Amino acid sequence: MTTSGGIFFVTTTFVDLKPLLLNDSYYRLIIDSLNFMRRRGGFTLIAYSIMPTHLHLVLQVSGERNISDIMRDFKKYTSFRIRKRLEDDGHHRIMESLRLPPGSRQIFKVWMDRFDDLLITNEETLRTKVEYIHQNPVRAGLVERDIDWPYSSARHYHLNDHSLVEVKWVSEASDGNI
């Protein structure tokens, strides 16, 4: 599968499905990181849902950019920020649960090494994946309606609320072709 260019549905998970986003300030770390990475370039964000244990994204990757490099950079950037926040907030038990055995290449692990991605090749699949991620908080029992979850792009699409992260539908992001 090609990982450069194209539109991707991505899921990435915290190590051992740990619910590391403990309150709004932790969700804001992810939001700020998405905004930073989006401004840095290389992709357009089409949809997202930030869950306590994982993250779903739909990204349109620009030209020669690579989905693996984008996700590696995002996870590296957020790992440091989440670990620092946990430490600053005194969550030592959680920090210890993220510690790797001595001799490992890294000291702490926040994200699973891999992420799942699907190259989206048609608008029907794109709409299905966007709806899936918007309904994820509802299926998880976090809210009754997708627009009630503040950490997803559902509010953008249903209420025209652009306040957290800028997202663009594919026709706004490019020539509209998938």
Protein backbone atom coordinates (compact mmCIF):
# COMPACT_ATOMS: atom_id res chain seq x y z
CA MET A 1 0.00 0.00 0.00
CA THR A 2 1.18 3.51 -0.80
CA THR A 3 1.73 5.66 2.27
CA SER A 4 2.61 8.92 0.49
CA GLY A 5 -0.17 11.24 -0.60
CA GLY A 6 -3.81 10.24 -0.43
CA ILE A 7 -6.52 10.23 2.23
CA PHE A 8 -6.09 7.96 5.24
CA PHE A 9 -8.29 6.76 8.07
CA VAL A 10 -5.91 6.33 11.02
CA THR A 11 -6.32 4.84 14.48
CA THR A 12 -3.58 5.02 17.08
CA THR A 13 -3.82 3.72 20.62
CA PHE A 14 -2.21 4.45 23.97
CA VAL A 15 -0.06 1.61 25.24
CA ASP A 16 -2.15 -1.18 26.80
CA LEU A 17 -5.28 0.88 26.06
CA LYS A 18 -4.51 3.04 29.10
CA PRO A 19 -6.93 5.96 29.51
CA LEU A 20 -4.18 8.60 29.66
CA LEU A 21 -6.35 11.61 28.90
CA LEU A 22 -7.39 12.25 32.49
CA ASN A 23 -9.17 15.59 32.10
CA ASP A 24 -9.69 18.46 29.68
CA SER A 25 -6.08 19.64 29.95
CA TYR A 26 -4.85 16.29 28.59
CA TYR A 27 -7.30 16.40 25.69
CA ARG A 28 -6.08 19.95 25.02
CA LEU A 29 -2.54 18.59 24.69
CA ILE A 30 -3.71 16.41 21.82
CA ILE A 31 -5.72 19.28 20.30
CA ASP A 32 -2.75 21.65 20.55
CA SER A 33 -0.52 19.00 19.01
CA LEU A 34 -2.92 18.44 16.11
CA ASN A 35 -3.00 22.18 15.51
CA PHE A 36 0.79 22.43 15.66
CA MET A 37 1.28 19.52 13.26
CA ARG A 38 -1.46 20.80 10.92
CA ARG A 39 0.15 24.26 10.75
CA ARG A 40 3.53 22.64 10.18
CA GLY A 41 2.12 21.19 6.99
CA GLY A 42 2.11 17.92 5.20
CA PHE A 43 -1.54 17.09 5.74
CA THR A 44 -5.05 18.44 5.91
CA LEU A 45 -7.23 17.21 8.75
CA ILE A 46 -10.63 16.07 7.49
CA ALA A 47 -12.01 14.55 10.71
CA TYR A 48 -10.92 13.47 14.19
CA SER A 49 -12.15 11.98 17.43
CA ILE A 50 -9.98 12.00 20.54
CA MET A 51 -10.95 9.20 22.90
CA PRO A 52 -9.60 8.41 26.39
CA THR A 53 -7.61 5.40 25.09
CA HIS A 54 -7.10 6.12 21.40
CA LEU A 55 -7.37 8.60 18.56
CA HIS A 56 -9.07 8.42 15.16
CA LEU A 57 -8.06 10.72 12.31
CA VAL A 58 -8.92 11.17 8.67
CA LEU A 59 -5.99 12.93 6.99
CA GLN A 60 -5.33 14.03 3.46
CA VAL A 61 -1.57 13.67 3.14
CA SER A 62 0.10 16.19 0.85
CA GLY A 63 2.21 15.14 -2.11
CA GLU A 64 5.41 13.47 -1.04
CA ARG A 65 4.60 13.43 2.68
CA ASN A 66 4.36 10.01 4.26
CA ILE A 67 1.63 8.92 6.70
CA SER A 68 4.20 6.96 8.74
CA ASP A 69 6.42 10.01 9.19
CA ILE A 70 3.45 12.21 10.13
CA MET A 71 2.26 9.72 12.74
CA ARG A 72 5.78 9.16 14.08
CA ASP A 73 6.26 12.91 14.55
CA PHE A 74 2.81 13.34 16.12
CA LYS A 75 3.31 10.48 18.56
CA LYS A 76 6.81 11.60 19.51
CA TYR A 77 5.62 15.17 20.12
CA THR A 78 2.56 14.14 22.15
CA SER A 79 4.42 11.46 24.13
CA PHE A 80 6.76 14.02 25.60
CA ARG A 81 3.94 16.43 26.42
CA ILE A 82 1.70 13.78 28.02
CA ARG A 83 4.57 12.38 30.12
CA LYS A 84 5.51 15.88 31.27
CA ARG A 85 1.89 16.67 32.24
CA LEU A 86 1.52 13.37 34.13
CA GLU A 87 4.75 14.10 35.99
CA ASP A 88 3.79 17.72 36.74
CA ASP A 89 0.37 16.58 37.99
CA GLY A 90 1.94 14.01 40.33
CA HIS A 91 0.56 10.90 38.60
CA HIS A 92 3.56 8.79 39.60
CA ARG A 93 1.69 5.47 39.51
CA ILE A 94 0.63 6.08 35.91
CA MET A 95 4.17 7.17 35.03
CA GLU A 96 5.55 3.93 36.49
CA SER A 97 3.04 1.92 34.45
CA LEU A 98 4.50 3.54 31.32
CA ARG A 99 8.11 2.79 32.28
CA LEU A 100 9.89 0.21 30.14
CA PRO A 101 12.35 -2.38 31.50
CA PRO A 102 16.00 -1.31 31.90
CA GLY A 103 17.98 -1.74 28.70
CA SER A 104 15.08 -0.69 26.45
CA ARG A 105 15.75 1.91 23.77
CA GLN A 106 13.37 4.32 25.48
CA ILE A 107 12.45 4.89 29.12
CA PHE A 108 8.68 5.40 28.82
CA LYS A 109 6.11 4.28 26.30
CA VAL A 110 2.91 6.29 25.80
CA TRP A 111 1.66 5.07 22.38
CA MET A 112 1.58 1.61 20.87
CA ASP A 113 4.36 1.27 18.29
CA ARG A 114 2.07 0.75 15.39
CA PHE A 115 -1.00 2.53 14.11
CA ASP A 116 -3.72 1.28 11.79
CA ASP A 117 -4.33 3.08 8.53
CA LEU A 118 -6.64 2.61 5.58
CA LEU A 119 -6.16 4.37 2.27
CA ILE A 120 -9.53 5.85 1.34
CA THR A 121 -10.23 5.67 -2.38
CA ASN A 122 -13.84 6.78 -2.71
CA GLU A 123 -16.27 9.25 -1.17
CA GLU A 124 -18.59 6.56 0.22
CA THR A 125 -15.78 5.10 2.32
CA LEU A 126 -14.72 8.59 3.37
CA ARG A 127 -18.23 9.43 4.60
CA THR A 128 -18.51 6.06 6.36
CA LYS A 129 -15.22 6.56 8.22
CA VAL A 130 -16.05 10.14 9.23
CA GLU A 131 -19.42 9.01 10.57
CA TYR A 132 -17.75 6.09 12.37
CA ILE A 133 -15.30 8.32 14.22
CA HIS A 134 -17.99 10.87 15.10
CA GLN A 135 -20.16 8.10 16.56
CA ASN A 136 -17.25 6.55 18.51
CA PRO A 137 -17.91 8.57 21.72
CA VAL A 138 -21.61 7.64 21.53
CA ARG A 139 -20.84 3.92 21.10
CA ALA A 140 -18.40 4.16 24.03
CA GLY A 141 -21.15 5.61 26.24
CA LEU A 142 -19.33 8.92 26.79
CA VAL A 143 -22.17 11.05 25.35
CA GLU A 144 -25.66 10.58 23.96
CA ARG A 145 -25.10 12.57 20.75
CA ASP A 146 -21.93 12.96 18.71
CA ILE A 147 -22.11 16.77 18.96
CA ASP A 148 -21.93 16.51 22.75
CA TRP A 149 -18.36 15.14 22.62
CA PRO A 150 -16.15 18.24 22.59
CA TYR A 151 -13.07 16.41 21.31
CA SER A 152 -14.17 15.53 17.79
CA SER A 153 -14.90 17.21 14.50
CA ALA A 154 -18.61 16.32 14.74
CA ARG A 155 -19.27 19.81 16.10
CA HIS A 156 -17.53 21.28 13.06
CA TYR A 157 -19.69 19.36 10.61
CA HIS A 158 -23.03 19.65 12.42
CA LEU A 159 -22.76 23.03 14.18
CA ASN A 160 -20.14 24.84 12.06
CA ASP A 161 -17.97 25.02 15.20
CA HIS A 162 -14.33 25.50 14.19
CA SER A 163 -13.10 26.40 17.67
CA LEU A 164 -10.74 23.51 18.50
CA VAL A 165 -9.06 22.20 15.36
CA GLU A 166 -9.49 23.36 11.79
CA VAL A 167 -10.85 20.60 9.59
CA LYS A 168 -11.70 20.69 5.90
CA TRP A 169 -13.84 18.36 3.86
CA VAL A 170 -11.90 16.87 0.98
CA SER A 171 -13.52 19.17 -1.62
CA GLU A 172 -12.26 22.13 0.44
CA ALA A 173 -8.83 20.59 0.87
CA SER A 174 -8.13 19.86 -2.79
CA ASP A 175 -9.81 19.64 -6.15
CA GLY A 176 -12.43 17.35 -4.59
CA ASN A 177 -11.14 14.14 -6.15
CA ILE A 178 -10.45 11.17 -3.97
